[in-house]
Amino acid sequence: NLKPEDTAVYYCAGAHADWVMGCLDPGE
């Protein structure tokens, strides 16, 4: 159900951890 406001460059990211606290913070 994509919307025009979803238009963007999408990036994947990884961190060497089981789970990241504040996992929607790109600085992690």
ModelCIF file with pLDDT and N, C-alpha, C, O atoms, coordinates in Angstrom:
data_MODEL
#
_entry.id   MODEL 
#
_entity.id                         1 
_entity.type                       polymer 
_entity.pdbx_number_of_molecules   1 
#
_entity_poly.entity_id                      1 
_entity_poly.type                           'polypeptide(L)' 
_entity_poly.nstd_linkage                   no 
_entity_poly.nstd_monomer                   no 
_entity_poly.pdbx_seq_one_letter_code       NLKPEDTAVYYCAGAHADWVMGCLDPGE 
_entity_poly.pdbx_seq_one_letter_code_can   NLKPEDTAVYYCAGAHADWVMGCLDPGE 
_entity_poly.pdbx_strand_id                 A 
#
loop_
_entity_poly_seq.entity_id 
_entity_poly_seq.num 
_entity_poly_seq.mon_id 
_entity_poly_seq.hetero 
1 1  ASN n 
1 2  LEU n 
1 3  LYS n 
1 4  PRO n 
1 5  GLU n 
1 6  ASP n 
1 7  THR n 
1 8  ALA n 
1 9  VAL n 
1 10 TYR n 
1 11 TYR n 
1 12 CYS n 
1 13 ALA n 
1 14 GLY n 
1 15 ALA n 
1 16 HIS n 
1 17 ALA n 
1 18 ASP n 
1 19 TRP n 
1 20 VAL n 
1 21 MET n 
1 22 GLY n 
1 23 CYS n 
1 24 LEU n 
1 25 ASP n 
1 26 PRO n 
1 27 GLY n 
1 28 GLU n 
#
_struct_asym.id          A 
_struct_asym.entity_id   1 
#
loop_
_ma_qa_metric.id 
_ma_qa_metric.mode 
_ma_qa_metric.name 
_ma_qa_metric.software_group_id 
_ma_qa_metric.type 
1 global pLDDT . pLDDT 
2 local  pLDDT . pLDDT 
#
_ma_qa_metric_global.metric_id      1 
_ma_qa_metric_global.metric_value   96.86 
_ma_qa_metric_global.model_id       1 
_ma_qa_metric_global.ordinal_id     1 
#
loop_
_ma_qa_metric_local.label_asym_id 
_ma_qa_metric_local.label_comp_id 
_ma_qa_metric_local.label_seq_id 
_ma_qa_metric_local.metric_id 
_ma_qa_metric_local.metric_value 
_ma_qa_metric_local.model_id 
_ma_qa_metric_local.ordinal_id 
A ASN 1  2 97.00 1 1  
A LEU 2  2 97.00 1 2  
A LYS 3  2 96.00 1 3  
A PRO 4  2 96.00 1 4  
A GLU 5  2 94.00 1 5  
A ASP 6  2 96.00 1 6  
A THR 7  2 97.00 1 7  
A ALA 8  2 98.00 1 8  
A VAL 9  2 98.00 1 9  
A TYR 10 2 98.00 1 10 
A TYR 11 2 98.00 1 11 
A CYS 12 2 98.00 1 12 
A ALA 13 2 98.00 1 13 
A GLY 14 2 97.00 1 14 
A ALA 15 2 97.00 1 15 
A HIS 16 2 96.00 1 16 
A ALA 17 2 97.00 1 17 
A ASP 18 2 97.00 1 18 
A TRP 19 2 97.00 1 19 
A VAL 20 2 97.00 1 20 
A MET 21 2 95.00 1 21 
A GLY 22 2 96.00 1 22 
A CYS 23 2 97.00 1 23 
A LEU 24 2 97.00 1 24 
A ASP 25 2 97.00 1 25 
A PRO 26 2 97.00 1 26 
A GLY 27 2 97.00 1 27 
A GLU 28 2 97.00 1 28 
#
loop_
_atom_site.group_PDB 
_atom_site.id 
_atom_site.type_symbol 
_atom_site.label_atom_id 
_atom_site.label_alt_id 
_atom_site.label_comp_id 
_atom_site.label_asym_id 
_atom_site.label_entity_id 
_atom_site.label_seq_id 
_atom_site.pdbx_PDB_ins_code 
_atom_site.Cartn_x 
_atom_site.Cartn_y 
_atom_site.Cartn_z 
_atom_site.occupancy 
_atom_site.B_iso_or_equiv 
_atom_site.pdbx_formal_charge 
_atom_site.auth_seq_id 
_atom_site.auth_comp_id 
_atom_site.auth_asym_id 
_atom_site.auth_atom_id 
_atom_site.pdbx_PDB_model_num 
ATOM 1   N N  . ASN A 1 1  ? 0.831  -1.210 0.000  1.00 97.00 ? 1  ASN A N  1 
ATOM 2   C CA . ASN A 1 1  ? 0.000  0.000  0.000  1.00 97.00 ? 1  ASN A CA 1 
ATOM 3   C C  . ASN A 1 1  ? 0.863  1.257  0.000  1.00 97.00 ? 1  ASN A C  1 
ATOM 4   O O  . ASN A 1 1  ? 0.696  2.144  0.837  1.00 97.00 ? 1  ASN A O  1 
ATOM 5   N N  . LEU A 1 2  ? 1.776  1.315  -0.941 1.00 97.00 ? 2  LEU A N  1 
ATOM 6   C CA . LEU A 1 2  ? 2.730  2.422  -0.986 1.00 97.00 ? 2  LEU A CA 1 
ATOM 7   C C  . LEU A 1 2  ? 2.049  3.740  -1.310 1.00 97.00 ? 2  LEU A C  1 
ATOM 8   O O  . LEU A 1 2  ? 1.082  3.792  -2.069 1.00 97.00 ? 2  LEU A O  1 
ATOM 9   N N  . LYS A 1 3  ? 2.576  4.804  -0.717 1.00 96.00 ? 3  LYS A N  1 
ATOM 10  C CA . LYS A 1 3  ? 2.056  6.145  -0.862 1.00 96.00 ? 3  LYS A CA 1 
ATOM 11  C C  . LYS A 1 3  ? 3.131  7.058  -1.432 1.00 96.00 ? 3  LYS A C  1 
ATOM 12  O O  . LYS A 1 3  ? 4.319  6.769  -1.288 1.00 96.00 ? 3  LYS A O  1 
ATOM 13  N N  . PRO A 1 4  ? 2.737  8.158  -2.080 1.00 96.00 ? 4  PRO A N  1 
ATOM 14  C CA . PRO A 1 4  ? 3.756  9.070  -2.627 1.00 96.00 ? 4  PRO A CA 1 
ATOM 15  C C  . PRO A 1 4  ? 4.762  9.540  -1.582 1.00 96.00 ? 4  PRO A C  1 
ATOM 16  O O  . PRO A 1 4  ? 5.930  9.741  -1.914 1.00 96.00 ? 4  PRO A O  1 
ATOM 17  N N  . GLU A 1 5  ? 4.352  9.718  -0.346 1.00 94.00 ? 5  GLU A N  1 
ATOM 18  C CA . GLU A 1 5  ? 5.273  10.159 0.695  1.00 94.00 ? 5  GLU A CA 1 
ATOM 19  C C  . GLU A 1 5  ? 6.296  9.096  1.094  1.00 94.00 ? 5  GLU A C  1 
ATOM 20  O O  . GLU A 1 5  ? 7.211  9.387  1.863  1.00 94.00 ? 5  GLU A O  1 
ATOM 21  N N  . ASP A 1 6  ? 6.158  7.875  0.587  1.00 96.00 ? 6  ASP A N  1 
ATOM 22  C CA . ASP A 1 6  ? 7.166  6.844  0.799  1.00 96.00 ? 6  ASP A CA 1 
ATOM 23  C C  . ASP A 1 6  ? 8.351  6.990  -0.146 1.00 96.00 ? 6  ASP A C  1 
ATOM 24  O O  . ASP A 1 6  ? 9.353  6.293  0.014  1.00 96.00 ? 6  ASP A O  1 
ATOM 25  N N  . THR A 1 7  ? 8.257  7.876  -1.120 1.00 97.00 ? 7  THR A N  1 
ATOM 26  C CA . THR A 1 7  ? 9.337  8.075  -2.077 1.00 97.00 ? 7  THR A CA 1 
ATOM 27  C C  . THR A 1 7  ? 10.598 8.540  -1.359 1.00 97.00 ? 7  THR A C  1 
ATOM 28  O O  . THR A 1 7  ? 10.581 9.542  -0.644 1.00 97.00 ? 7  THR A O  1 
ATOM 29  N N  . ALA A 1 8  ? 11.691 7.808  -1.554 1.00 98.00 ? 8  ALA A N  1 
ATOM 30  C CA . ALA A 1 8  ? 12.948 8.102  -0.874 1.00 98.00 ? 8  ALA A CA 1 
ATOM 31  C C  . ALA A 1 8  ? 14.014 7.133  -1.366 1.00 98.00 ? 8  ALA A C  1 
ATOM 32  O O  . ALA A 1 8  ? 13.717 6.168  -2.070 1.00 98.00 ? 8  ALA A O  1 
ATOM 33  N N  . VAL A 1 9  ? 15.255 7.402  -0.984 1.00 98.00 ? 9  VAL A N  1 
ATOM 34  C CA . VAL A 1 9  ? 16.310 6.411  -1.095 1.00 98.00 ? 9  VAL A CA 1 
ATOM 35  C C  . VAL A 1 9  ? 16.275 5.559  0.165  1.00 98.00 ? 9  VAL A C  1 
ATOM 36  O O  . VAL A 1 9  ? 16.295 6.085  1.277  1.00 98.00 ? 9  VAL A O  1 
ATOM 37  N N  . TYR A 1 10 ? 16.224 4.256  -0.010 1.00 98.00 ? 10 TYR A N  1 
ATOM 38  C CA . TYR A 1 10 ? 16.151 3.322  1.107  1.00 98.00 ? 10 TYR A CA 1 
ATOM 39  C C  . TYR A 1 10 ? 17.503 2.659  1.316  1.00 98.00 ? 10 TYR A C  1 
ATOM 40  O O  . TYR A 1 10 ? 18.127 2.185  0.366  1.00 98.00 ? 10 TYR A O  1 
ATOM 41  N N  . TYR A 1 11 ? 17.951 2.628  2.564  1.00 98.00 ? 11 TYR A N  1 
ATOM 42  C CA . TYR A 1 11 ? 19.239 2.067  2.944  1.00 98.00 ? 11 TYR A CA 1 
ATOM 43  C C  . TYR A 1 11 ? 19.050 0.933  3.943  1.00 98.00 ? 11 TYR A C  1 
ATOM 44  O O  . TYR A 1 11 ? 18.184 1.007  4.815  1.00 98.00 ? 11 TYR A O  1 
ATOM 45  N N  . CYS A 1 12 ? 19.855 -0.112 3.818  1.00 98.00 ? 12 CYS A N  1 
ATOM 46  C CA . CYS A 1 12 ? 19.934 -1.100 4.878  1.00 98.00 ? 12 CYS A CA 1 
ATOM 47  C C  . CYS A 1 12 ? 21.190 -0.865 5.698  1.00 98.00 ? 12 CYS A C  1 
ATOM 48  O O  . CYS A 1 12 ? 22.169 -0.301 5.210  1.00 98.00 ? 12 CYS A O  1 
ATOM 49  N N  . ALA A 1 13 ? 21.152 -1.298 6.938  1.00 98.00 ? 13 ALA A N  1 
ATOM 50  C CA . ALA A 1 13 ? 22.250 -1.072 7.865  1.00 98.00 ? 13 ALA A CA 1 
ATOM 51  C C  . ALA A 1 13 ? 22.380 -2.258 8.806  1.00 98.00 ? 13 ALA A C  1 
ATOM 52  O O  . ALA A 1 13 ? 21.412 -2.975 9.058  1.00 98.00 ? 13 ALA A O  1 
ATOM 53  N N  . GLY A 1 14 ? 23.594 -2.458 9.327  1.00 97.00 ? 14 GLY A N  1 
ATOM 54  C CA . GLY A 1 14 ? 23.848 -3.545 10.253 1.00 97.00 ? 14 GLY A CA 1 
ATOM 55  C C  . GLY A 1 14 ? 24.679 -3.103 11.438 1.00 97.00 ? 14 GLY A C  1 
ATOM 56  O O  . GLY A 1 14 ? 25.493 -2.186 11.336 1.00 97.00 ? 14 GLY A O  1 
ATOM 57  N N  . ALA A 1 15 ? 24.464 -3.764 12.563 1.00 97.00 ? 15 ALA A N  1 
ATOM 58  C CA . ALA A 1 15 ? 25.241 -3.538 13.775 1.00 97.00 ? 15 ALA A CA 1 
ATOM 59  C C  . ALA A 1 15 ? 25.571 -4.880 14.399 1.00 97.00 ? 15 ALA A C  1 
ATOM 60  O O  . ALA A 1 15 ? 24.726 -5.773 14.450 1.00 97.00 ? 15 ALA A O  1 
ATOM 61  N N  . HIS A 1 16 ? 26.807 -5.022 14.878 1.00 96.00 ? 16 HIS A N  1 
ATOM 62  C CA . HIS A 1 16 ? 27.235 -6.289 15.465 1.00 96.00 ? 16 HIS A CA 1 
ATOM 63  C C  . HIS A 1 16 ? 26.660 -6.405 16.865 1.00 96.00 ? 16 HIS A C  1 
ATOM 64  O O  . HIS A 1 16 ? 27.323 -6.108 17.858 1.00 96.00 ? 16 HIS A O  1 
ATOM 65  N N  . ALA A 1 17 ? 25.416 -6.842 16.918 1.00 97.00 ? 17 ALA A N  1 
ATOM 66  C CA . ALA A 1 17 ? 24.688 -6.936 18.174 1.00 97.00 ? 17 ALA A CA 1 
ATOM 67  C C  . ALA A 1 17 ? 23.490 -7.842 17.986 1.00 97.00 ? 17 ALA A C  1 
ATOM 68  O O  . ALA A 1 17 ? 23.006 -8.033 16.870 1.00 97.00 ? 17 ALA A O  1 
ATOM 69  N N  . ASP A 1 18 ? 23.020 -8.394 19.084 1.00 97.00 ? 18 ASP A N  1 
ATOM 70  C CA . ASP A 1 18 ? 21.779 -9.154 19.076 1.00 97.00 ? 18 ASP A CA 1 
ATOM 71  C C  . ASP A 1 18 ? 20.589 -8.223 18.838 1.00 97.00 ? 18 ASP A C  1 
ATOM 72  O O  . ASP A 1 18 ? 19.725 -8.502 18.006 1.00 97.00 ? 18 ASP A O  1 
ATOM 73  N N  . TRP A 1 19 ? 20.560 -7.125 19.572 1.00 97.00 ? 19 TRP A N  1 
ATOM 74  C CA . TRP A 1 19 ? 19.508 -6.131 19.470 1.00 97.00 ? 19 TRP A CA 1 
ATOM 75  C C  . TRP A 1 19 ? 20.109 -4.770 19.781 1.00 97.00 ? 19 TRP A C  1 
ATOM 76  O O  . TRP A 1 19 ? 20.961 -4.645 20.660 1.00 97.00 ? 19 TRP A O  1 
ATOM 77  N N  . VAL A 1 20 ? 19.668 -3.766 19.067 1.00 97.00 ? 20 VAL A N  1 
ATOM 78  C CA . VAL A 1 20 ? 20.169 -2.413 19.223 1.00 97.00 ? 20 VAL A CA 1 
ATOM 79  C C  . VAL A 1 20 ? 19.146 -1.585 19.982 1.00 97.00 ? 20 VAL A C  1 
ATOM 80  O O  . VAL A 1 20 ? 18.001 -1.452 19.552 1.00 97.00 ? 20 VAL A O  1 
ATOM 81  N N  . MET A 1 21 ? 19.562 -1.029 21.111 1.00 95.00 ? 21 MET A N  1 
ATOM 82  C CA . MET A 1 21 ? 18.724 -0.069 21.809 1.00 95.00 ? 21 MET A CA 1 
ATOM 83  C C  . MET A 1 21 ? 18.637 1.203  20.976 1.00 95.00 ? 21 MET A C  1 
ATOM 84  O O  . MET A 1 21 ? 19.649 1.697  20.480 1.00 95.00 ? 21 MET A O  1 
ATOM 85  N N  . GLY A 1 22 ? 17.438 1.725  20.824 1.00 96.00 ? 22 GLY A N  1 
ATOM 86  C CA . GLY A 1 22 ? 17.254 2.858  19.930 1.00 96.00 ? 22 GLY A CA 1 
ATOM 87  C C  . GLY A 1 22 ? 17.553 2.473  18.496 1.00 96.00 ? 22 GLY A C  1 
ATOM 88  O O  . GLY A 1 22 ? 18.313 3.160  17.812 1.00 96.00 ? 22 GLY A O  1 
ATOM 89  N N  . CYS A 1 23 ? 16.966 1.384  18.034 1.00 97.00 ? 23 CYS A N  1 
ATOM 90  C CA . CYS A 1 23 ? 17.377 0.772  16.768 1.00 97.00 ? 23 CYS A CA 1 
ATOM 91  C C  . CYS A 1 23 ? 16.919 1.539  15.532 1.00 97.00 ? 23 CYS A C  1 
ATOM 92  O O  . CYS A 1 23 ? 17.297 1.173  14.419 1.00 97.00 ? 23 CYS A O  1 
ATOM 93  N N  . LEU A 1 24 ? 16.125 2.580  15.688 1.00 97.00 ? 24 LEU A N  1 
ATOM 94  C CA . LEU A 1 24 ? 15.763 3.436  14.567 1.00 97.00 ? 24 LEU A CA 1 
ATOM 95  C C  . LEU A 1 24 ? 16.616 4.697  14.500 1.00 97.00 ? 24 LEU A C  1 
ATOM 96  O O  . LEU A 1 24 ? 16.289 5.632  13.769 1.00 97.00 ? 24 LEU A O  1 
ATOM 97  N N  . ASP A 1 25 ? 17.702 4.725  15.257 1.00 97.00 ? 25 ASP A N  1 
ATOM 98  C CA . ASP A 1 25 ? 18.679 5.817  15.219 1.00 97.00 ? 25 ASP A CA 1 
ATOM 99  C C  . ASP A 1 25 ? 19.807 5.410  14.279 1.00 97.00 ? 25 ASP A C  1 
ATOM 100 O O  . ASP A 1 25 ? 20.495 4.429  14.561 1.00 97.00 ? 25 ASP A O  1 
ATOM 101 N N  . PRO A 1 26 ? 20.025 6.116  13.182 1.00 97.00 ? 26 PRO A N  1 
ATOM 102 C CA . PRO A 1 26 ? 21.070 5.704  12.241 1.00 97.00 ? 26 PRO A CA 1 
ATOM 103 C C  . PRO A 1 26 ? 22.474 5.709  12.837 1.00 97.00 ? 26 PRO A C  1 
ATOM 104 O O  . PRO A 1 26 ? 23.349 4.996  12.345 1.00 97.00 ? 26 PRO A O  1 
ATOM 105 N N  . GLY A 1 27 ? 22.706 6.497  13.885 1.00 97.00 ? 27 GLY A N  1 
ATOM 106 C CA . GLY A 1 27 ? 24.014 6.545  14.508 1.00 97.00 ? 27 GLY A CA 1 
ATOM 107 C C  . GLY A 1 27 ? 24.434 5.265  15.204 1.00 97.00 ? 27 GLY A C  1 
ATOM 108 O O  . GLY A 1 27 ? 25.596 5.127  15.583 1.00 97.00 ? 27 GLY A O  1 
ATOM 109 N N  . GLU A 1 28 ? 23.522 4.335  15.378 1.00 97.00 ? 28 GLU A N  1 
ATOM 110 C CA . GLU A 1 28 ? 23.820 3.076  16.053 1.00 97.00 ? 28 GLU A CA 1 
ATOM 111 C C  . GLU A 1 28 ? 24.438 2.029  15.129 1.00 97.00 ? 28 GLU A C  1 
ATOM 112 O O  . GLU A 1 28 ? 24.739 0.919  15.568 1.00 97.00 ? 28 GLU A O  1 
#
